[in-house]
Amino acid sequence: MKNADSVVVRTYVNEVEADLAASWLDAEGIACEIVSDDAGGVFPMLQITRGVKLLVDRALESRAREILERSEQEVDPSVFPETPEAGGDPPA
């Protein structure tokens, strides 16, 4: 899917969070792709500094963002700790 018609709808600090978000999109019929630069999983700590990106087709971007917003509001907040990028304080 990583092509000119793909856009990043969210960037997460690890693959677990990205997988959860991808499952919400999949449940709504939206295909997505998780992309991270962690040397093929050899250096997972790079996910923290470089992020794990969730991509969808540009035509589905708005709907995907709506689904993620709704799903993130419904989930236990401890699943997605506040991060500086999200506008909150970093985890203690």
N, C-alpha and C. Protein backbone atom coordinates (compact mmCIF):
# COMPACT_ATOMS: atom_id res chain seq x y z
N MET A 1 0.80 -1.18 0.00
CA MET A 1 0.00 0.00 0.00
C MET A 1 0.86 1.26 0.00
N LYS A 2 2.08 1.19 0.45
CA LYS A 2 2.92 2.38 0.54
C LYS A 2 3.17 2.92 -0.86
N ASN A 3 2.36 3.91 -1.25
CA ASN A 3 2.51 4.52 -2.56
C ASN A 3 2.08 5.98 -2.49
N ALA A 4 2.00 6.63 -3.63
CA ALA A 4 1.67 8.05 -3.67
C ALA A 4 0.27 8.34 -3.14
N ASP A 5 -0.60 7.34 -3.16
CA ASP A 5 -1.97 7.54 -2.69
C ASP A 5 -2.16 7.19 -1.22
N SER A 6 -1.08 6.89 -0.51
CA SER A 6 -1.16 6.57 0.92
C SER A 6 -0.80 7.79 1.74
N VAL A 7 -1.45 7.91 2.89
CA VAL A 7 -1.15 8.99 3.82
C VAL A 7 -1.01 8.40 5.23
N VAL A 8 -0.21 9.06 6.04
CA VAL A 8 -0.06 8.66 7.44
C VAL A 8 -1.21 9.26 8.22
N VAL A 9 -2.03 8.41 8.85
CA VAL A 9 -3.13 8.93 9.66
C VAL A 9 -2.76 9.05 11.13
N ARG A 10 -1.80 8.27 11.58
CA ARG A 10 -1.32 8.35 12.96
C ARG A 10 0.12 7.83 13.02
N THR A 11 0.84 8.32 14.01
CA THR A 11 2.17 7.79 14.31
C THR A 11 2.17 7.40 15.77
N TYR A 12 2.55 6.16 16.04
CA TYR A 12 2.53 5.61 17.39
C TYR A 12 3.95 5.38 17.88
N VAL A 13 4.11 5.19 19.19
CA VAL A 13 5.44 5.00 19.76
C VAL A 13 5.88 3.55 19.74
N ASN A 14 4.97 2.63 19.44
CA ASN A 14 5.37 1.23 19.32
C ASN A 14 4.38 0.48 18.43
N GLU A 15 4.79 -0.70 18.03
CA GLU A 15 3.99 -1.49 17.09
C GLU A 15 2.71 -2.05 17.73
N VAL A 16 2.74 -2.25 19.03
CA VAL A 16 1.55 -2.77 19.72
C VAL A 16 0.39 -1.78 19.57
N GLU A 17 0.66 -0.49 19.82
CA GLU A 17 -0.37 0.53 19.67
C GLU A 17 -0.84 0.62 18.22
N ALA A 18 0.09 0.57 17.29
CA ALA A 18 -0.26 0.64 15.87
C ALA A 18 -1.10 -0.57 15.46
N ASP A 19 -0.77 -1.75 15.97
CA ASP A 19 -1.57 -2.96 15.66
C ASP A 19 -3.00 -2.83 16.17
N LEU A 20 -3.16 -2.28 17.36
CA LEU A 20 -4.50 -2.10 17.91
C LEU A 20 -5.30 -1.15 17.02
N ALA A 21 -4.70 -0.03 16.65
CA ALA A 21 -5.38 0.93 15.78
C ALA A 21 -5.70 0.31 14.42
N ALA A 22 -4.78 -0.48 13.88
CA ALA A 22 -5.02 -1.14 12.60
C ALA A 22 -6.20 -2.11 12.70
N SER A 23 -6.35 -2.75 13.84
CA SER A 23 -7.48 -3.68 14.00
C SER A 23 -8.81 -2.93 14.00
N TRP A 24 -8.83 -1.71 14.55
CA TRP A 24 -10.06 -0.91 14.52
C TRP A 24 -10.42 -0.56 13.08
N LEU A 25 -9.42 -0.18 12.30
CA LEU A 25 -9.68 0.16 10.90
C LEU A 25 -10.11 -1.07 10.11
N ASP A 26 -9.43 -2.18 10.34
CA ASP A 26 -9.77 -3.43 9.66
C ASP A 26 -11.22 -3.84 9.96
N ALA A 27 -11.64 -3.67 11.20
CA ALA A 27 -13.01 -4.02 11.59
C ALA A 27 -14.05 -3.18 10.85
N GLU A 28 -13.64 -2.00 10.41
CA GLU A 28 -14.54 -1.11 9.66
C GLU A 28 -14.34 -1.24 8.16
N GLY A 29 -13.51 -2.20 7.73
CA GLY A 29 -13.31 -2.45 6.31
C GLY A 29 -12.32 -1.52 5.64
N ILE A 30 -11.46 -0.87 6.42
CA ILE A 30 -10.46 0.03 5.84
C ILE A 30 -9.09 -0.65 5.88
N ALA A 31 -8.54 -0.87 4.70
CA ALA A 31 -7.21 -1.48 4.61
C ALA A 31 -6.17 -0.46 5.06
N CYS A 32 -5.18 -0.94 5.78
CA CYS A 32 -4.12 -0.05 6.25
C CYS A 32 -2.80 -0.82 6.28
N GLU A 33 -1.74 -0.06 6.48
CA GLU A 33 -0.41 -0.66 6.55
C GLU A 33 0.35 -0.02 7.69
N ILE A 34 1.10 -0.83 8.41
CA ILE A 34 1.95 -0.34 9.49
C ILE A 34 3.38 -0.31 8.97
N VAL A 35 4.03 0.84 9.14
CA VAL A 35 5.39 1.02 8.65
C VAL A 35 6.27 1.54 9.79
N SER A 36 7.39 0.85 10.00
CA SER A 36 8.35 1.33 11.00
C SER A 36 9.75 1.10 10.48
N ASP A 37 10.66 1.93 10.92
CA ASP A 37 12.05 1.80 10.54
C ASP A 37 12.82 1.32 11.76
N ASP A 38 12.72 0.01 12.01
CA ASP A 38 13.40 -0.57 13.18
C ASP A 38 14.35 -1.69 12.78
N ALA A 39 14.92 -1.55 11.59
CA ALA A 39 15.87 -2.52 11.05
C ALA A 39 15.25 -3.92 10.99
N GLY A 40 14.04 -3.97 10.49
CA GLY A 40 13.37 -5.26 10.34
C GLY A 40 13.06 -5.94 11.66
N GLY A 41 12.88 -5.17 12.72
CA GLY A 41 12.58 -5.72 14.03
C GLY A 41 13.80 -6.01 14.87
N VAL A 42 15.00 -5.83 14.30
CA VAL A 42 16.24 -6.10 15.03
C VAL A 42 16.45 -5.08 16.15
N PHE A 43 16.04 -3.83 15.90
CA PHE A 43 16.21 -2.76 16.88
C PHE A 43 14.86 -2.12 17.19
N PRO A 44 13.99 -2.80 17.92
CA PRO A 44 12.66 -2.25 18.19
C PRO A 44 12.69 -0.93 18.95
N MET A 45 13.79 -0.64 19.64
CA MET A 45 13.87 0.62 20.37
C MET A 45 13.85 1.83 19.43
N LEU A 46 14.14 1.62 18.15
CA LEU A 46 14.07 2.71 17.19
C LEU A 46 12.63 3.16 16.95
N GLN A 47 11.66 2.29 17.28
CA GLN A 47 10.26 2.67 17.13
C GLN A 47 9.93 3.88 17.99
N ILE A 48 10.55 3.98 19.16
CA ILE A 48 10.27 5.09 20.06
C ILE A 48 10.74 6.40 19.46
N THR A 49 11.90 6.41 18.86
CA THR A 49 12.44 7.66 18.32
C THR A 49 11.92 7.98 16.92
N ARG A 50 11.66 6.97 16.12
CA ARG A 50 11.22 7.20 14.74
C ARG A 50 9.72 7.03 14.55
N GLY A 51 9.07 6.39 15.49
CA GLY A 51 7.63 6.19 15.40
C GLY A 51 7.24 5.03 14.51
N VAL A 52 6.03 4.58 14.70
CA VAL A 52 5.43 3.52 13.89
C VAL A 52 4.24 4.15 13.19
N LYS A 53 4.28 4.20 11.89
CA LYS A 53 3.27 4.93 11.12
C LYS A 53 2.15 4.01 10.65
N LEU A 54 0.94 4.54 10.69
CA LEU A 54 -0.24 3.83 10.21
C LEU A 54 -0.71 4.55 8.95
N LEU A 55 -0.66 3.84 7.81
CA LEU A 55 -1.01 4.43 6.52
C LEU A 55 -2.33 3.88 6.00
N VAL A 56 -3.08 4.74 5.33
CA VAL A 56 -4.31 4.34 4.64
C VAL A 56 -4.32 5.02 3.28
N ASP A 57 -5.22 4.56 2.43
CA ASP A 57 -5.41 5.18 1.13
C ASP A 57 -5.92 6.61 1.34
N ARG A 58 -5.40 7.54 0.57
CA ARG A 58 -5.75 8.95 0.70
C ARG A 58 -7.27 9.17 0.65
N ALA A 59 -7.97 8.43 -0.18
CA ALA A 59 -9.42 8.59 -0.32
C ALA A 59 -10.16 8.20 0.96
N LEU A 60 -9.54 7.39 1.81
CA LEU A 60 -10.18 6.93 3.04
C LEU A 60 -9.66 7.64 4.29
N GLU A 61 -8.80 8.64 4.10
CA GLU A 61 -8.16 9.31 5.23
C GLU A 61 -9.16 9.88 6.23
N SER A 62 -10.13 10.61 5.76
CA SER A 62 -11.09 11.25 6.66
C SER A 62 -11.85 10.22 7.49
N ARG A 63 -12.34 9.20 6.83
CA ARG A 63 -13.09 8.14 7.54
C ARG A 63 -12.19 7.41 8.53
N ALA A 64 -10.96 7.14 8.15
CA ALA A 64 -10.01 6.45 9.04
C ALA A 64 -9.75 7.30 10.28
N ARG A 65 -9.57 8.59 10.11
CA ARG A 65 -9.32 9.47 11.26
C ARG A 65 -10.53 9.50 12.20
N GLU A 66 -11.73 9.50 11.63
CA GLU A 66 -12.95 9.47 12.46
C GLU A 66 -13.01 8.19 13.29
N ILE A 67 -12.73 7.07 12.66
CA ILE A 67 -12.75 5.78 13.35
C ILE A 67 -11.71 5.75 14.47
N LEU A 68 -10.51 6.23 14.19
CA LEU A 68 -9.46 6.23 15.20
C LEU A 68 -9.81 7.15 16.37
N GLU A 69 -10.35 8.33 16.07
CA GLU A 69 -10.75 9.26 17.14
C GLU A 69 -11.79 8.61 18.04
N ARG A 70 -12.81 8.04 17.43
CA ARG A 70 -13.88 7.40 18.21
C ARG A 70 -13.35 6.23 19.02
N SER A 71 -12.54 5.41 18.41
CA SER A 71 -12.01 4.22 19.09
C SER A 71 -11.08 4.59 20.23
N GLU A 72 -10.25 5.61 20.02
CA GLU A 72 -9.32 6.03 21.07
C GLU A 72 -10.06 6.63 22.26
N GLN A 73 -11.21 7.24 22.03
CA GLN A 73 -12.00 7.79 23.12
C GLN A 73 -12.69 6.70 23.93
N GLU A 74 -13.00 5.58 23.28
CA GLU A 74 -13.71 4.49 23.93
C GLU A 74 -12.80 3.56 24.72
N VAL A 75 -11.50 3.56 24.42
CA VAL A 75 -10.57 2.63 25.04
C VAL A 75 -10.08 3.17 26.38
N ASP A 76 -9.64 2.29 27.23
CA ASP A 76 -9.05 2.66 28.51
C ASP A 76 -7.86 3.57 28.24
N PRO A 77 -7.81 4.75 28.86
CA PRO A 77 -6.73 5.71 28.58
C PRO A 77 -5.33 5.17 28.83
N SER A 78 -5.19 4.17 29.66
CA SER A 78 -3.86 3.64 29.95
C SER A 78 -3.26 2.92 28.73
N VAL A 79 -4.09 2.58 27.76
CA VAL A 79 -3.59 1.92 26.56
C VAL A 79 -2.77 2.90 25.71
N PHE A 80 -3.19 4.16 25.70
CA PHE A 80 -2.51 5.19 24.93
C PHE A 80 -2.05 6.29 25.88
N PRO A 81 -0.93 6.10 26.56
CA PRO A 81 -0.46 7.15 27.45
C PRO A 81 -0.19 8.43 26.68
N GLU A 82 -0.40 9.56 27.34
CA GLU A 82 -0.18 10.85 26.71
C GLU A 82 1.29 10.98 26.30
N THR A 83 1.50 11.52 25.12
CA THR A 83 2.85 11.76 24.63
C THR A 83 2.97 13.22 24.23
N PRO A 84 4.17 13.76 24.18
CA PRO A 84 4.33 15.16 23.79
C PRO A 84 3.71 15.47 22.43
N GLU A 85 3.78 14.55 21.46
CA GLU A 85 3.20 14.77 20.14
C GLU A 85 1.70 14.89 20.22
N ALA A 86 1.08 14.20 21.18
CA ALA A 86 -0.38 14.20 21.30
C ALA A 86 -0.86 15.40 22.12
N GLY A 87 0.07 16.21 22.62
CA GLY A 87 -0.32 17.38 23.35
C GLY A 87 -0.33 17.21 24.86
N GLY A 88 0.02 16.04 25.35
CA GLY A 88 0.03 15.81 26.79
C GLY A 88 1.44 15.76 27.33
N ASP A 89 1.55 15.51 28.58
CA ASP A 89 2.87 15.37 29.20
C ASP A 89 3.40 13.98 28.94
N PRO A 90 4.73 13.82 28.89
CA PRO A 90 5.30 12.49 28.70
C PRO A 90 5.00 11.61 29.90
N PRO A 91 4.91 10.28 29.68
CA PRO A 91 4.65 9.36 30.80
C PRO A 91 5.73 9.48 31.85
N ALA A 92 5.34 9.29 33.10
CA ALA A 92 6.29 9.39 34.21
C ALA A 92 7.17 8.16 34.29
